[in-house]
Amino acid sequence: MSHLEQQPEKRSGAWIQTYTGRQFWPMDARPAEIDLLDIAHALSMLCRFNGHCQRFYSVAEHSVHVSQVVEPEHARWGLLHDAAEAYLSDLPQPIKRELRAFSVFEEQLQRVIAQRFALPVEMPPAVKQADMVLLATEKAALMTREPVPWDPLPPALDPAMIRSWSPEQAKQAFLKRFDQLFNQPG
């Protein structure tokens, strides 16, 4: 190898191929490598509740709803609060609690995503609260009667707001909401 040829940059961990055909290192992500279309597509294909709901309901649709119910100043964070799942997948909370290393990777990637989209580094507590309100609403709309009560949840919104969009509908709604929040004046 001549001195003019460059060695490929060493990256931490293995890479995945994204929807748009890019190499992406989930354990060593860079803000410039985060792609909105990859996020919208992947989240539209991920089913909430690890698929244990009565009908398909995507993380993308969930994210759109969170962005709509949280205070307007937190709507951008609401839309992107689960964006790391586009690259890492979604794990049910009981599993995440046991796999602390996964949560660390997810938090690191979420910080890179926040940087990419010029969001505050820390997710606002209001987004976490809206996420829990949506969880209660989704439970009412999508789950069968529970065998024992879940951990306490806040009051649910109208379960009819949960539409169970197709992946393509969810992807388009996510992209449209992003455009409303990030690309419109004011």
C-alpha atoms as a PDB file:
ATOM      1  CA  MET A   1       0.000   0.000   0.000  1.00  0.00           C
ATOM      2  CA  SER A   2       1.441   3.363  -0.958  1.00  0.00           C
ATOM      3  CA  HIS A   3       1.595   6.235   1.460  1.00  0.00           C
ATOM      4  CA  LEU A   4      -1.133   7.984  -0.603  1.00  0.00           C
ATOM      5  CA  GLU A   5      -3.700   5.263  -0.010  1.00  0.00           C
ATOM      6  CA  GLN A   6      -5.665   5.732   3.168  1.00  0.00           C
ATOM      7  CA  GLN A   7      -6.574   3.037   5.610  1.00  0.00           C
ATOM      8  CA  PRO A   8     -10.293   2.868   6.295  1.00  0.00           C
ATOM      9  CA  GLU A   9     -11.183   4.555   9.555  1.00  0.00           C
ATOM     10  CA  LYS A  10     -11.452   2.113  12.454  1.00  0.00           C
ATOM     11  CA  ARG A  11     -14.961   2.090  13.889  1.00  0.00           C
ATOM     12  CA  SER A  12     -16.251   0.522  17.062  1.00  0.00           C
ATOM     13  CA  GLY A  13     -18.483  -2.504  16.609  1.00  0.00           C
ATOM     14  CA  ALA A  14     -20.004  -3.908  13.469  1.00  0.00           C
ATOM     15  CA  TRP A  15     -22.122  -1.999  10.969  1.00  0.00           C
ATOM     16  CA  ILE A  16     -25.633  -2.504   9.649  1.00  0.00           C
ATOM     17  CA  GLN A  17     -26.989  -1.571   6.235  1.00  0.00           C
ATOM     18  CA  THR A  18     -29.799   0.947   6.449  1.00  0.00           C
ATOM     19  CA  TYR A  19     -32.903   1.331   4.297  1.00  0.00           C
ATOM     20  CA  THR A  20     -31.143   3.975   2.180  1.00  0.00           C
ATOM     21  CA  GLY A  21     -28.205   1.603   1.625  1.00  0.00           C
ATOM     22  CA  ARG A  22     -25.705   3.218   3.964  1.00  0.00           C
ATOM     23  CA  GLN A  23     -23.253   1.637   6.350  1.00  0.00           C
ATOM     24  CA  PHE A  24     -24.198   2.577   9.895  1.00  0.00           C
ATOM     25  CA  TRP A  25     -22.292   1.780  13.081  1.00  0.00           C
ATOM     26  CA  PRO A  26     -24.897   1.761  15.887  1.00  0.00           C
ATOM     27  CA  MET A  27     -22.182   1.612  18.558  1.00  0.00           C
ATOM     28  CA  ASP A  28     -20.106   4.372  16.946  1.00  0.00           C
ATOM     29  CA  ALA A  29     -22.614   6.645  15.240  1.00  0.00           C
ATOM     30  CA  ARG A  30     -21.812  10.103  13.922  1.00  0.00           C
ATOM     31  CA  PRO A  31     -24.443  12.846  13.558  1.00  0.00           C
ATOM     32  CA  ALA A  32     -23.814  13.198   9.810  1.00  0.00           C
ATOM     33  CA  GLU A  33     -24.672   9.512   9.338  1.00  0.00           C
ATOM     34  CA  ILE A  34     -28.172   9.842  10.812  1.00  0.00           C
ATOM     35  CA  ASP A  35     -30.726   9.890   7.990  1.00  0.00           C
ATOM     36  CA  LEU A  36     -34.341  10.950   8.460  1.00  0.00           C
ATOM     37  CA  LEU A  37     -35.602   8.580   5.770  1.00  0.00           C
ATOM     38  CA  ASP A  38     -33.868   5.650   7.478  1.00  0.00           C
ATOM     39  CA  ILE A  39     -35.538   6.595  10.758  1.00  0.00           C
ATOM     40  CA  ALA A  40     -39.012   7.084   9.268  1.00  0.00           C
ATOM     41  CA  HIS A  41     -38.872   3.850   7.298  1.00  0.00           C
ATOM     42  CA  ALA A  42     -37.477   1.652  10.069  1.00  0.00           C
ATOM     43  CA  LEU A  43     -39.847   2.997  12.740  1.00  0.00           C
ATOM     44  CA  SER A  44     -42.797   2.470  10.399  1.00  0.00           C
ATOM     45  CA  MET A  45     -41.829  -1.204  10.131  1.00  0.00           C
ATOM     46  CA  LEU A  46     -41.386  -1.763  13.899  1.00  0.00           C
ATOM     47  CA  CYS A  47     -44.444  -2.928  15.808  1.00  0.00           C
ATOM     48  CA  ARG A  48     -45.015  -1.649  19.336  1.00  0.00           C
ATOM     49  CA  PHE A  49     -45.402  -4.130  22.203  1.00  0.00           C
ATOM     50  CA  ASN A  50     -42.986  -6.489  20.426  1.00  0.00           C
ATOM     51  CA  GLY A  51     -45.938  -7.425  18.199  1.00  0.00           C
ATOM     52  CA  HIS A  52     -48.126  -8.572  21.105  1.00  0.00           C
ATOM     53  CA  CYS A  53     -51.004  -6.262  20.259  1.00  0.00           C
ATOM     54  CA  GLN A  54     -54.308  -6.994  18.544  1.00  0.00           C
ATOM     55  CA  ARG A  55     -53.269  -5.320  15.298  1.00  0.00           C
ATOM     56  CA  PHE A  56     -50.130  -3.801  13.812  1.00  0.00           C
ATOM     57  CA  TYR A  57     -49.197  -0.478  15.385  1.00  0.00           C
ATOM     58  CA  SER A  58     -45.859   1.075  14.479  1.00  0.00           C
ATOM     59  CA  VAL A  59     -43.330   2.989  16.509  1.00  0.00           C
ATOM     60  CA  ALA A  60     -43.584   5.697  13.807  1.00  0.00           C
ATOM     61  CA  GLU A  61     -47.309   6.192  14.466  1.00  0.00           C
ATOM     62  CA  HIS A  62     -46.634   6.215  18.207  1.00  0.00           C
ATOM     63  CA  SER A  63     -43.962   8.888  17.709  1.00  0.00           C
ATOM     64  CA  VAL A  64     -46.284  11.090  15.658  1.00  0.00           C
ATOM     65  CA  HIS A  65     -48.917  10.892  18.421  1.00  0.00           C
ATOM     66  CA  VAL A  66     -46.393  11.730  21.140  1.00  0.00           C
ATOM     67  CA  SER A  67     -45.342  14.802  19.141  1.00  0.00           C
ATOM     68  CA  GLN A  68     -48.989  15.878  18.917  1.00  0.00           C
ATOM     69  CA  VAL A  69     -49.931  15.507  22.588  1.00  0.00           C
ATOM     70  CA  VAL A  70     -46.813  16.997  24.180  1.00  0.00           C
ATOM     71  CA  GLU A  71     -46.508  20.767  24.602  1.00  0.00           C
ATOM     72  CA  PRO A  72     -45.575  22.417  21.271  1.00  0.00           C
ATOM     73  CA  GLU A  73     -42.118  23.441  22.491  1.00  0.00           C
ATOM     74  CA  HIS A  74     -41.295  19.746  23.013  1.00  0.00           C
ATOM     75  CA  ALA A  75     -42.961  18.376  19.866  1.00  0.00           C
ATOM     76  CA  ARG A  76     -39.652  17.893  18.008  1.00  0.00           C
ATOM     77  CA  TRP A  77     -38.296  15.759  20.827  1.00  0.00           C
ATOM     78  CA  GLY A  78     -41.661  13.974  20.962  1.00  0.00           C
ATOM     79  CA  LEU A  79     -41.369  12.942  17.331  1.00  0.00           C
ATOM     80  CA  LEU A  80     -37.776  11.728  17.668  1.00  0.00           C
ATOM     81  CA  HIS A  81     -37.876  10.302  21.208  1.00  0.00           C
ATOM     82  CA  ASP A  82     -37.667   6.700  19.922  1.00  0.00           C
ATOM     83  CA  ALA A  83     -35.473   7.400  16.877  1.00  0.00           C
ATOM     84  CA  ALA A  84     -32.618   5.249  18.210  1.00  0.00           C
ATOM     85  CA  GLU A  85     -34.944   2.259  17.785  1.00  0.00           C
ATOM     86  CA  ALA A  86     -34.607   2.710  14.022  1.00  0.00           C
ATOM     87  CA  TYR A  87     -31.043   1.458  14.379  1.00  0.00           C
ATOM     88  CA  LEU A  88     -31.222  -0.707  17.526  1.00  0.00           C
ATOM     89  CA  SER A  89     -34.812  -2.028  17.394  1.00  0.00           C
ATOM     90  CA  ASP A  90     -37.388  -1.773  20.156  1.00  0.00           C
ATOM     91  CA  LEU A  91     -37.205  -3.888  23.277  1.00  0.00           C
ATOM     92  CA  PRO A  92     -40.057  -4.184  25.776  1.00  0.00           C
ATOM     93  CA  GLN A  93     -39.402  -2.216  28.979  1.00  0.00           C
ATOM     94  CA  PRO A  94     -39.099  -5.312  31.224  1.00  0.00           C
ATOM     95  CA  ILE A  95     -36.227  -6.535  29.031  1.00  0.00           C
ATOM     96  CA  LYS A  96     -34.572  -3.102  28.801  1.00  0.00           C
ATOM     97  CA  ARG A  97     -34.539  -2.918  32.606  1.00  0.00           C
ATOM     98  CA  GLU A  98     -32.539  -6.146  32.729  1.00  0.00           C
ATOM     99  CA  LEU A  99     -30.152  -5.292  29.885  1.00  0.00           C
ATOM    100  CA  ARG A 100     -28.481  -2.152  31.191  1.00  0.00           C
ATOM    101  CA  ALA A 101     -25.828  -2.246  28.461  1.00  0.00           C
ATOM    102  CA  PHE A 102     -28.559  -1.995  25.807  1.00  0.00           C
ATOM    103  CA  SER A 103     -30.006   1.058  27.545  1.00  0.00           C
ATOM    104  CA  VAL A 104     -26.564   2.674  27.612  1.00  0.00           C
ATOM    105  CA  PHE A 105     -26.126   2.125  23.846  1.00  0.00           C
ATOM    106  CA  GLU A 106     -29.650   3.442  23.226  1.00  0.00           C
ATOM    107  CA  GLU A 107     -29.006   6.576  25.298  1.00  0.00           C
ATOM    108  CA  GLN A 108     -25.677   7.208  23.520  1.00  0.00           C
ATOM    109  CA  LEU A 109     -27.270   6.861  20.096  1.00  0.00           C
ATOM    110  CA  GLN A 110     -30.212   9.053  21.108  1.00  0.00           C
ATOM    111  CA  ARG A 111     -27.726  11.800  22.076  1.00  0.00           C
ATOM    112  CA  VAL A 112     -26.123  11.559  18.602  1.00  0.00           C
ATOM    113  CA  ILE A 113     -29.580  11.819  17.029  1.00  0.00           C
ATOM    114  CA  ALA A 114     -30.385  14.838  19.214  1.00  0.00           C
ATOM    115  CA  GLN A 115     -27.168  16.466  18.040  1.00  0.00           C
ATOM    116  CA  ARG A 116     -27.968  15.688  14.386  1.00  0.00           C
ATOM    117  CA  PHE A 117     -31.354  17.412  14.637  1.00  0.00           C
ATOM    118  CA  ALA A 118     -30.232  20.246  16.951  1.00  0.00           C
ATOM    119  CA  LEU A 119     -32.323  19.100  19.897  1.00  0.00           C
ATOM    120  CA  PRO A 120     -31.361  19.665  23.524  1.00  0.00           C
ATOM    121  CA  VAL A 121     -29.153  16.783  24.659  1.00  0.00           C
ATOM    122  CA  GLU A 122     -31.569  15.646  27.374  1.00  0.00           C
ATOM    123  CA  MET A 123     -35.083  14.554  26.541  1.00  0.00           C
ATOM    124  CA  PRO A 124     -37.542  16.840  28.358  1.00  0.00           C
ATOM    125  CA  PRO A 125     -39.494  15.173  31.178  1.00  0.00           C
ATOM    126  CA  ALA A 126     -42.705  16.316  29.436  1.00  0.00           C
ATOM    127  CA  VAL A 127     -41.877  13.978  26.528  1.00  0.00           C
ATOM    128  CA  LYS A 128     -41.429  11.042  28.898  1.00  0.00           C
ATOM    129  CA  GLN A 129     -44.806  11.879  30.462  1.00  0.00           C
ATOM    130  CA  ALA A 130     -46.499  12.123  27.035  1.00  0.00           C
ATOM    131  CA  ASP A 131     -44.906   8.777  26.139  1.00  0.00           C
ATOM    132  CA  MET A 132     -46.541   7.233  29.225  1.00  0.00           C
ATOM    133  CA  VAL A 133     -49.931   8.788  28.381  1.00  0.00           C
ATOM    134  CA  LEU A 134     -49.647   7.260  24.909  1.00  0.00           C
ATOM    135  CA  LEU A 135     -48.709   3.911  26.444  1.00  0.00           C
ATOM    136  CA  ALA A 136     -51.912   3.995  28.502  1.00  0.00           C
ATOM    137  CA  THR A 137     -53.908   4.977  25.417  1.00  0.00           C
ATOM    138  CA  GLU A 138     -52.324   2.270  23.274  1.00  0.00           C
ATOM    139  CA  LYS A 139     -52.954  -0.313  25.990  1.00  0.00           C
ATOM    140  CA  ALA A 140     -56.652   0.603  25.984  1.00  0.00           C
ATOM    141  CA  ALA A 141     -56.838   0.530  22.177  1.00  0.00           C
ATOM    142  CA  LEU A 142     -54.620  -2.415  21.284  1.00  0.00           C
ATOM    143  CA  MET A 143     -54.208  -4.906  24.101  1.00  0.00           C
ATOM    144  CA  THR A 144     -56.453  -7.644  25.409  1.00  0.00           C
ATOM    145  CA  ARG A 145     -57.483  -7.557  29.031  1.00  0.00           C
ATOM    146  CA  GLU A 146     -54.406  -7.893  31.204  1.00  0.00           C
ATOM    147  CA  PRO A 147     -53.961 -10.959  33.435  1.00  0.00           C
ATOM    148  CA  VAL A 148     -52.808  -8.684  36.289  1.00  0.00           C
ATOM    149  CA  PRO A 149     -52.664  -4.884  36.424  1.00  0.00           C
ATOM    150  CA  TRP A 150     -49.748  -3.176  34.710  1.00  0.00           C
ATOM    151  CA  ASP A 151     -47.545  -0.757  36.605  1.00  0.00           C
ATOM    152  CA  PRO A 152     -49.530   2.400  37.306  1.00  0.00           C
ATOM    153  CA  LEU A 153     -50.136   4.451  34.164  1.00  0.00           C
ATOM    154  CA  PRO A 154     -51.526   7.956  33.746  1.00  0.00           C
ATOM    155  CA  PRO A 155     -55.080   8.341  32.436  1.00  0.00           C
ATOM    156  CA  ALA A 156     -55.487   7.352  28.790  1.00  0.00           C
ATOM    157  CA  LEU A 157     -56.596   9.650  26.008  1.00  0.00           C
ATOM    158  CA  ASP A 158     -59.361   8.615  23.603  1.00  0.00           C
ATOM    159  CA  PRO A 159     -58.327   5.155  22.302  1.00  0.00           C
ATOM    160  CA  ALA A 160     -59.945   6.015  18.941  1.00  0.00           C
ATOM    161  CA  MET A 161     -56.902   8.203  18.188  1.00  0.00           C
ATOM    162  CA  ILE A 162     -54.891   5.018  17.636  1.00  0.00           C
ATOM    163  CA  ARG A 163     -55.439   4.340  13.945  1.00  0.00           C
ATOM    164  CA  SER A 164     -53.039   1.453  13.251  1.00  0.00           C
ATOM    165  CA  TRP A 165     -51.678   2.968  10.065  1.00  0.00           C
ATOM    166  CA  SER A 166     -49.993   0.752   7.519  1.00  0.00           C
ATOM    167  CA  PRO A 167     -46.201   1.037   7.454  1.00  0.00           C
ATOM    168  CA  GLU A 168     -46.377   3.300   4.384  1.00  0.00           C
ATOM    169  CA  GLN A 169     -49.015   5.546   6.001  1.00  0.00           C
ATOM    170  CA  ALA A 170     -46.966   5.746   9.192  1.00  0.00           C
ATOM    171  CA  LYS A 171     -43.787   6.572   7.295  1.00  0.00           C
ATOM    172  CA  GLN A 172     -45.495   9.349   5.335  1.00  0.00           C
ATOM    173  CA  ALA A 173     -47.160  10.761   8.478  1.00  0.00           C
ATOM    174  CA  PHE A 174     -43.804  10.741  10.278  1.00  0.00           C
ATOM    175  CA  LEU A 175     -42.092  12.572   7.407  1.00  0.00           C
ATOM    176  CA  LYS A 176     -44.935  15.084   7.137  1.00  0.00           C
ATOM    177  CA  ARG A 177     -44.828  15.754  10.882  1.00  0.00           C
ATOM    178  CA  PHE A 178     -41.061  16.212  10.707  1.00  0.00           C
ATOM    179  CA  ASP A 179     -41.511  18.741   7.915  1.00  0.00           C
ATOM    180  CA  GLN A 180     -44.134  20.610   9.978  1.00  0.00           C
ATOM    181  CA  LEU A 181     -41.892  20.756  13.019  1.00  0.00           C
ATOM    182  CA  PHE A 182     -38.440  21.278  11.519  1.00  0.00           C
ATOM    183  CA  ASN A 183     -38.917  22.933   8.128  1.00  0.00           C
ATOM    184  CA  GLN A 184     -41.772  25.370   8.566  1.00  0.00           C
ATOM    185  CA  PRO A 185     -41.156  29.001   9.499  1.00  0.00           C
ATOM    186  CA  GLY A 186     -42.007  30.000  13.047  1.00  0.00           C
END
